[in-house]
Amino acid sequence: MNITLTLSEVVSLFIELNGDGKAFKGLLKQKMGMKQKALLHRLEKVIREEMQTYESLRKELFQKHGNEPAKDGSITVPPENIEAFKKELDELMGTEKPIELSTLWTTPLTLTDLESVETDEYYPTIFKILEHE
């Protein structure tokens, strides 16, 4: 089974799985069985690799459109470059990545597999994958 996600969805999925480092804990930090956790960790590994590509390309965009790095390493995009920067970033975020789910697990991951997870958080990209299967 194959699903295609935009890079924007890949970033969302990474946050859904790992949390945002603030208030959003992420699915992998929720209480669940080991089988479910193992299945989700396989997905997270693939998504983490895509995130590394995303971070590299995003950094290139900042370098292309931004000022020289500040002492803390941060790069700001001057107002005259914002429109071009946003346009290229939107194009990047809209690129698609097919993910072959059958290489991650032999049987589809379903909502039933995760029904014992207790959470107050919402995971729209995870639900998209579960609905796809």
N, C-alpha and C. Protein backbone atom coordinates (compact mmCIF):
# COMPACT_ATOMS: atom_id res chain seq x y z
N MET A 1 0.85 -1.18 0.00
CA MET A 1 0.00 0.00 0.00
C MET A 1 0.89 1.24 0.00
N ASN A 2 0.50 2.21 -0.78
CA ASN A 2 1.28 3.41 -0.97
C ASN A 2 0.40 4.62 -0.66
N ILE A 3 0.95 5.62 0.00
CA ILE A 3 0.25 6.87 0.25
C ILE A 3 1.19 8.00 -0.15
N THR A 4 0.60 9.06 -0.68
CA THR A 4 1.40 10.22 -1.07
C THR A 4 1.05 11.37 -0.13
N LEU A 5 2.09 11.94 0.48
CA LEU A 5 1.92 13.07 1.38
C LEU A 5 2.68 14.27 0.83
N THR A 6 2.13 15.45 1.02
CA THR A 6 2.89 16.64 0.67
C THR A 6 3.95 16.84 1.75
N LEU A 7 4.95 17.63 1.45
CA LEU A 7 5.98 17.90 2.45
C LEU A 7 5.37 18.58 3.67
N SER A 8 4.37 19.40 3.46
CA SER A 8 3.66 20.02 4.57
C SER A 8 3.04 18.95 5.48
N GLU A 9 2.46 17.92 4.89
CA GLU A 9 1.88 16.82 5.68
C GLU A 9 2.97 16.01 6.37
N VAL A 10 4.11 15.85 5.73
CA VAL A 10 5.23 15.14 6.36
C VAL A 10 5.67 15.88 7.62
N VAL A 11 5.78 17.21 7.53
CA VAL A 11 6.15 18.01 8.70
C VAL A 11 5.09 17.86 9.78
N SER A 12 3.83 17.93 9.41
CA SER A 12 2.74 17.75 10.38
C SER A 12 2.80 16.38 11.03
N LEU A 13 3.04 15.36 10.22
CA LEU A 13 3.10 13.99 10.73
C LEU A 13 4.26 13.83 11.72
N PHE A 14 5.39 14.44 11.42
CA PHE A 14 6.54 14.38 12.32
C PHE A 14 6.15 14.97 13.68
N ILE A 15 5.47 16.11 13.66
CA ILE A 15 5.04 16.74 14.92
C ILE A 15 3.98 15.90 15.62
N GLU A 16 3.06 15.32 14.84
CA GLU A 16 2.03 14.47 15.43
C GLU A 16 2.67 13.26 16.14
N LEU A 17 3.70 12.72 15.57
CA LEU A 17 4.36 11.56 16.17
C LEU A 17 5.24 11.93 17.35
N ASN A 18 5.98 13.04 17.24
CA ASN A 18 7.00 13.38 18.23
C ASN A 18 6.66 14.53 19.17
N GLY A 19 5.60 15.25 18.88
CA GLY A 19 5.26 16.42 19.66
C GLY A 19 5.99 17.64 19.14
N ASP A 20 5.67 18.77 19.75
CA ASP A 20 6.26 20.03 19.30
C ASP A 20 7.28 20.58 20.29
N GLY A 21 7.59 19.82 21.32
CA GLY A 21 8.55 20.28 22.32
C GLY A 21 7.94 21.26 23.31
N LYS A 22 6.67 21.49 23.17
CA LYS A 22 5.96 22.43 24.06
C LYS A 22 4.75 21.71 24.65
N ALA A 23 3.57 22.16 24.31
CA ALA A 23 2.34 21.62 24.90
C ALA A 23 1.88 20.32 24.23
N PHE A 24 2.20 20.12 22.96
CA PHE A 24 1.75 18.96 22.21
C PHE A 24 2.73 17.81 22.43
N LYS A 25 2.30 16.73 23.10
CA LYS A 25 3.20 15.64 23.45
C LYS A 25 3.58 14.75 22.27
N GLY A 26 2.62 14.46 21.41
CA GLY A 26 2.86 13.57 20.29
C GLY A 26 2.40 12.16 20.58
N LEU A 27 2.03 11.46 19.54
CA LEU A 27 1.45 10.13 19.65
C LEU A 27 2.42 9.12 20.26
N LEU A 28 3.70 9.19 19.92
CA LEU A 28 4.65 8.20 20.43
C LEU A 28 4.88 8.32 21.94
N LYS A 29 4.48 9.41 22.54
CA LYS A 29 4.62 9.56 23.99
C LYS A 29 3.35 9.17 24.74
N GLN A 30 2.33 8.73 24.00
CA GLN A 30 1.08 8.30 24.62
C GLN A 30 1.21 6.84 25.07
N LYS A 31 0.36 6.46 25.98
CA LYS A 31 0.35 5.09 26.47
C LYS A 31 -0.26 4.19 25.41
N MET A 32 0.48 3.15 25.01
CA MET A 32 -0.02 2.19 24.02
C MET A 32 0.78 0.90 24.13
N GLY A 33 0.28 -0.12 23.48
CA GLY A 33 0.96 -1.41 23.48
C GLY A 33 2.26 -1.36 22.67
N MET A 34 3.12 -2.32 22.93
CA MET A 34 4.42 -2.36 22.25
C MET A 34 4.28 -2.58 20.75
N LYS A 35 3.31 -3.39 20.32
CA LYS A 35 3.12 -3.63 18.89
C LYS A 35 2.80 -2.31 18.18
N GLN A 36 1.87 -1.55 18.74
CA GLN A 36 1.49 -0.29 18.14
C GLN A 36 2.66 0.69 18.13
N LYS A 37 3.40 0.73 19.22
CA LYS A 37 4.54 1.63 19.30
C LYS A 37 5.60 1.25 18.26
N ALA A 38 5.83 -0.05 18.08
CA ALA A 38 6.82 -0.51 17.09
C ALA A 38 6.38 -0.12 15.68
N LEU A 39 5.10 -0.27 15.37
CA LEU A 39 4.60 0.09 14.05
C LEU A 39 4.77 1.59 13.80
N LEU A 40 4.45 2.38 14.80
CA LEU A 40 4.56 3.83 14.65
C LEU A 40 6.02 4.29 14.59
N HIS A 41 6.91 3.60 15.28
CA HIS A 41 8.33 3.96 15.21
C HIS A 41 8.90 3.71 13.82
N ARG A 42 8.41 2.67 13.15
CA ARG A 42 8.86 2.43 11.77
C ARG A 42 8.45 3.58 10.86
N LEU A 43 7.22 4.04 11.04
CA LEU A 43 6.74 5.18 10.27
C LEU A 43 7.56 6.43 10.61
N GLU A 44 7.83 6.63 11.88
CA GLU A 44 8.58 7.80 12.33
C GLU A 44 9.98 7.82 11.74
N LYS A 45 10.60 6.67 11.58
CA LYS A 45 11.95 6.60 11.00
C LYS A 45 11.95 7.13 9.56
N VAL A 46 10.96 6.74 8.78
CA VAL A 46 10.85 7.20 7.40
C VAL A 46 10.59 8.71 7.37
N ILE A 47 9.71 9.16 8.24
CA ILE A 47 9.35 10.58 8.29
C ILE A 47 10.55 11.41 8.77
N ARG A 48 11.32 10.89 9.69
CA ARG A 48 12.51 11.61 10.19
C ARG A 48 13.51 11.85 9.05
N GLU A 49 13.69 10.87 8.18
CA GLU A 49 14.59 11.03 7.03
C GLU A 49 14.09 12.14 6.11
N GLU A 50 12.78 12.19 5.89
CA GLU A 50 12.21 13.25 5.05
C GLU A 50 12.37 14.61 5.72
N MET A 51 12.28 14.65 7.04
CA MET A 51 12.44 15.90 7.78
C MET A 51 13.86 16.44 7.63
N GLN A 52 14.84 15.56 7.57
CA GLN A 52 16.22 16.00 7.38
C GLN A 52 16.37 16.67 6.02
N THR A 53 15.74 16.10 5.00
CA THR A 53 15.76 16.69 3.67
C THR A 53 15.06 18.05 3.71
N TYR A 54 13.91 18.11 4.36
CA TYR A 54 13.16 19.36 4.47
C TYR A 54 14.00 20.44 5.16
N GLU A 55 14.62 20.11 6.28
CA GLU A 55 15.41 21.09 7.02
C GLU A 55 16.58 21.61 6.17
N SER A 56 17.20 20.72 5.41
CA SER A 56 18.30 21.12 4.54
C SER A 56 17.83 22.09 3.46
N LEU A 57 16.71 21.77 2.82
CA LEU A 57 16.18 22.63 1.76
C LEU A 57 15.68 23.96 2.32
N ARG A 58 15.08 23.93 3.48
CA ARG A 58 14.59 25.16 4.13
C ARG A 58 15.77 26.08 4.46
N LYS A 59 16.84 25.46 4.94
CA LYS A 59 18.05 26.23 5.26
C LYS A 59 18.61 26.89 3.99
N GLU A 60 18.61 26.14 2.88
CA GLU A 60 19.07 26.70 1.61
C GLU A 60 18.23 27.91 1.20
N LEU A 61 16.91 27.83 1.42
CA LEU A 61 16.05 28.95 1.08
C LEU A 61 16.37 30.18 1.92
N PHE A 62 16.61 29.97 3.21
CA PHE A 62 16.98 31.09 4.06
C PHE A 62 18.30 31.70 3.61
N GLN A 63 19.25 30.85 3.25
CA GLN A 63 20.54 31.36 2.78
C GLN A 63 20.40 32.11 1.47
N LYS A 64 19.55 31.62 0.59
CA LYS A 64 19.34 32.24 -0.71
C LYS A 64 18.68 33.62 -0.59
N HIS A 65 17.68 33.72 0.27
CA HIS A 65 16.88 34.94 0.35
C HIS A 65 17.20 35.81 1.56
N GLY A 66 17.98 35.29 2.50
CA GLY A 66 18.19 36.00 3.74
C GLY A 66 19.46 36.82 3.79
N ASN A 67 19.60 37.52 4.92
CA ASN A 67 20.81 38.29 5.20
C ASN A 67 21.91 37.36 5.69
N GLU A 68 23.07 37.90 5.87
CA GLU A 68 24.17 37.13 6.45
C GLU A 68 23.75 36.63 7.83
N PRO A 69 24.18 35.45 8.22
CA PRO A 69 23.80 34.92 9.54
C PRO A 69 24.26 35.85 10.67
N ALA A 70 23.39 35.97 11.67
CA ALA A 70 23.73 36.74 12.87
C ALA A 70 24.71 35.93 13.71
N LYS A 71 25.20 36.53 14.78
CA LYS A 71 26.16 35.84 15.65
C LYS A 71 25.59 34.54 16.21
N ASP A 72 24.27 34.50 16.43
CA ASP A 72 23.65 33.29 16.96
C ASP A 72 23.33 32.27 15.86
N GLY A 73 23.68 32.60 14.61
CA GLY A 73 23.48 31.69 13.50
C GLY A 73 22.15 31.85 12.79
N SER A 74 21.27 32.68 13.34
CA SER A 74 19.96 32.86 12.71
C SER A 74 20.08 33.74 11.47
N ILE A 75 19.19 33.47 10.52
CA ILE A 75 19.16 34.22 9.27
C ILE A 75 17.78 34.84 9.14
N THR A 76 17.74 36.13 8.88
CA THR A 76 16.46 36.79 8.65
C THR A 76 16.32 37.13 7.18
N VAL A 77 15.07 37.09 6.72
CA VAL A 77 14.77 37.43 5.33
C VAL A 77 14.31 38.88 5.31
N PRO A 78 15.00 39.73 4.56
CA PRO A 78 14.61 41.14 4.51
C PRO A 78 13.26 41.29 3.80
N PRO A 79 12.52 42.36 4.12
CA PRO A 79 11.19 42.56 3.55
C PRO A 79 11.14 42.47 2.02
N GLU A 80 12.17 42.95 1.36
CA GLU A 80 12.14 42.93 -0.12
C GLU A 80 12.26 41.51 -0.69
N ASN A 81 12.68 40.55 0.12
CA ASN A 81 12.82 39.16 -0.35
C ASN A 81 11.72 38.23 0.16
N ILE A 82 10.84 38.74 1.01
CA ILE A 82 9.82 37.89 1.65
C ILE A 82 8.92 37.21 0.62
N GLU A 83 8.46 37.95 -0.36
CA GLU A 83 7.52 37.38 -1.33
C GLU A 83 8.15 36.22 -2.11
N ALA A 84 9.37 36.39 -2.58
CA ALA A 84 10.06 35.32 -3.32
C ALA A 84 10.34 34.14 -2.39
N PHE A 85 10.73 34.42 -1.15
CA PHE A 85 10.98 33.37 -0.17
C PHE A 85 9.72 32.56 0.08
N LYS A 86 8.60 33.24 0.33
CA LYS A 86 7.34 32.55 0.60
C LYS A 86 6.90 31.71 -0.60
N LYS A 87 7.08 32.25 -1.80
CA LYS A 87 6.68 31.52 -3.00
C LYS A 87 7.46 30.21 -3.11
N GLU A 88 8.77 30.28 -2.94
CA GLU A 88 9.58 29.06 -3.03
C GLU A 88 9.30 28.10 -1.88
N LEU A 89 9.05 28.64 -0.69
CA LEU A 89 8.72 27.78 0.45
C LEU A 89 7.38 27.08 0.22
N ASP A 90 6.39 27.80 -0.31
CA ASP A 90 5.10 27.18 -0.61
C ASP A 90 5.25 26.07 -1.65
N GLU A 91 6.07 26.32 -2.67
CA GLU A 91 6.32 25.28 -3.68
C GLU A 91 6.97 24.05 -3.04
N LEU A 92 7.94 24.30 -2.17
CA LEU A 92 8.62 23.20 -1.47
C LEU A 92 7.62 22.41 -0.63
N MET A 93 6.79 23.12 0.14
CA MET A 93 5.85 22.45 1.04
C MET A 93 4.78 21.67 0.28
N GLY A 94 4.54 22.03 -0.97
CA GLY A 94 3.55 21.32 -1.79
C GLY A 94 4.09 20.12 -2.53
N THR A 95 5.42 19.92 -2.52
CA THR A 95 5.97 18.75 -3.21
C THR A 95 5.48 17.49 -2.53
N GLU A 96 5.36 16.44 -3.29
CA GLU A 96 4.78 15.21 -2.78
C GLU A 96 5.82 14.12 -2.60
N LYS A 97 5.57 13.30 -1.60
CA LYS A 97 6.46 12.18 -1.28
C LYS A 97 5.61 10.92 -1.16
N PRO A 98 5.81 9.94 -2.05
CA PRO A 98 5.11 8.67 -1.87
C PRO A 98 5.78 7.87 -0.75
N ILE A 99 4.97 7.30 0.09
CA ILE A 99 5.49 6.46 1.18
C ILE A 99 4.88 5.08 1.01
N GLU A 100 5.73 4.09 0.86
CA GLU A 100 5.30 2.72 0.67
C GLU A 100 5.06 2.10 2.04
N LEU A 101 3.80 2.07 2.47
CA LEU A 101 3.45 1.58 3.80
C LEU A 101 3.69 0.08 3.95
N SER A 102 3.59 -0.66 2.86
CA SER A 102 3.77 -2.11 2.95
C SER A 102 5.21 -2.49 3.32
N THR A 103 6.16 -1.56 3.15
CA THR A 103 7.53 -1.86 3.57
C THR A 103 7.72 -1.59 5.07
N LEU A 104 6.75 -0.91 5.69
CA LEU A 104 6.85 -0.60 7.11
C LEU A 104 6.24 -1.68 7.98
N TRP A 105 5.15 -2.25 7.52
CA TRP A 105 4.48 -3.31 8.27
C TRP A 105 3.77 -4.23 7.28
N THR A 106 3.64 -5.50 7.67
CA THR A 106 3.08 -6.50 6.75
C THR A 106 1.56 -6.44 6.68
N THR A 107 0.92 -6.01 7.75
CA THR A 107 -0.53 -5.82 7.72
C THR A 107 -0.81 -4.34 7.94
N PRO A 108 -1.85 -3.82 7.35
CA PRO A 108 -2.14 -2.39 7.48
C PRO A 108 -2.33 -1.97 8.94
N LEU A 109 -1.85 -0.79 9.27
CA LEU A 109 -2.10 -0.19 10.57
C LEU A 109 -3.50 0.41 10.50
N THR A 110 -4.35 0.04 11.45
CA THR A 110 -5.73 0.51 11.42
C THR A 110 -6.07 1.29 12.68
N LEU A 111 -7.20 1.94 12.64
CA LEU A 111 -7.68 2.65 13.81
C LEU A 111 -7.89 1.68 14.97
N THR A 112 -8.31 0.47 14.66
CA THR A 112 -8.48 -0.55 15.70
C THR A 112 -7.17 -0.83 16.42
N ASP A 113 -6.06 -0.80 15.70
CA ASP A 113 -4.75 -1.02 16.31
C ASP A 113 -4.44 0.04 17.36
N LEU A 114 -4.98 1.23 17.19
CA LEU A 114 -4.66 2.35 18.08
C LEU A 114 -5.82 2.72 19.01
N GLU A 115 -6.88 1.90 19.02
CA GLU A 115 -8.04 2.27 19.81
C GLU A 115 -7.78 2.32 21.31
N SER A 116 -6.74 1.65 21.79
CA SER A 116 -6.46 1.67 23.23
C SER A 116 -5.64 2.89 23.65
N VAL A 117 -5.18 3.69 22.68
CA VAL A 117 -4.40 4.88 23.00
C VAL A 117 -5.33 5.94 23.61
N GLU A 118 -4.93 6.42 24.78
CA GLU A 118 -5.71 7.46 25.44
C GLU A 118 -5.00 8.78 25.28
N THR A 119 -5.68 9.73 24.64
CA THR A 119 -5.06 11.02 24.37
C THR A 119 -6.12 12.09 24.24
N ASP A 120 -5.74 13.31 24.53
CA ASP A 120 -6.59 14.47 24.30
C ASP A 120 -6.17 15.19 23.02
N GLU A 121 -5.13 14.70 22.37
CA GLU A 121 -4.58 15.35 21.19
C GLU A 121 -5.26 14.84 19.92
N TYR A 122 -5.14 15.60 18.86
CA TYR A 122 -5.74 15.29 17.57
C TYR A 122 -4.63 15.09 16.55
N TYR A 123 -4.74 14.04 15.73
CA TYR A 123 -3.69 13.65 14.79
C TYR A 123 -4.24 13.52 13.37
N PRO A 124 -4.51 14.62 12.68
CA PRO A 124 -5.17 14.53 11.36
C PRO A 124 -4.36 13.79 10.30
N THR A 125 -3.06 13.91 10.30
CA THR A 125 -2.27 13.23 9.27
C THR A 125 -2.19 11.73 9.55
N ILE A 126 -2.10 11.36 10.82
CA ILE A 126 -2.15 9.94 11.20
C ILE A 126 -3.49 9.36 10.75
N PHE A 127 -4.58 10.10 10.99
CA PHE A 127 -5.90 9.62 10.57
C PHE A 127 -5.97 9.45 9.06
N LYS A 128 -5.33 10.33 8.31
CA LYS A 128 -5.31 10.21 6.85
C LYS A 128 -4.65 8.89 6.45
N ILE A 129 -3.57 8.54 7.12
CA ILE A 129 -2.89 7.27 6.81
C ILE A 129 -3.77 6.09 7.17
N LEU A 130 -4.42 6.16 8.33
CA LEU A 130 -5.28 5.07 8.77
C LEU A 130 -6.48 4.90 7.83
N GLU A 131 -7.06 6.00 7.35
CA GLU A 131 -8.18 5.94 6.43
C GLU A 131 -7.76 5.40 5.07
N HIS A 132 -6.51 5.65 4.71
CA HIS A 132 -5.99 5.24 3.41
C HIS A 132 -5.85 3.73 3.32
N GLU A 133 -5.55 3.12 4.44
CA GLU A 133 -5.26 1.69 4.42
C GLU A 133 -6.49 0.87 4.28
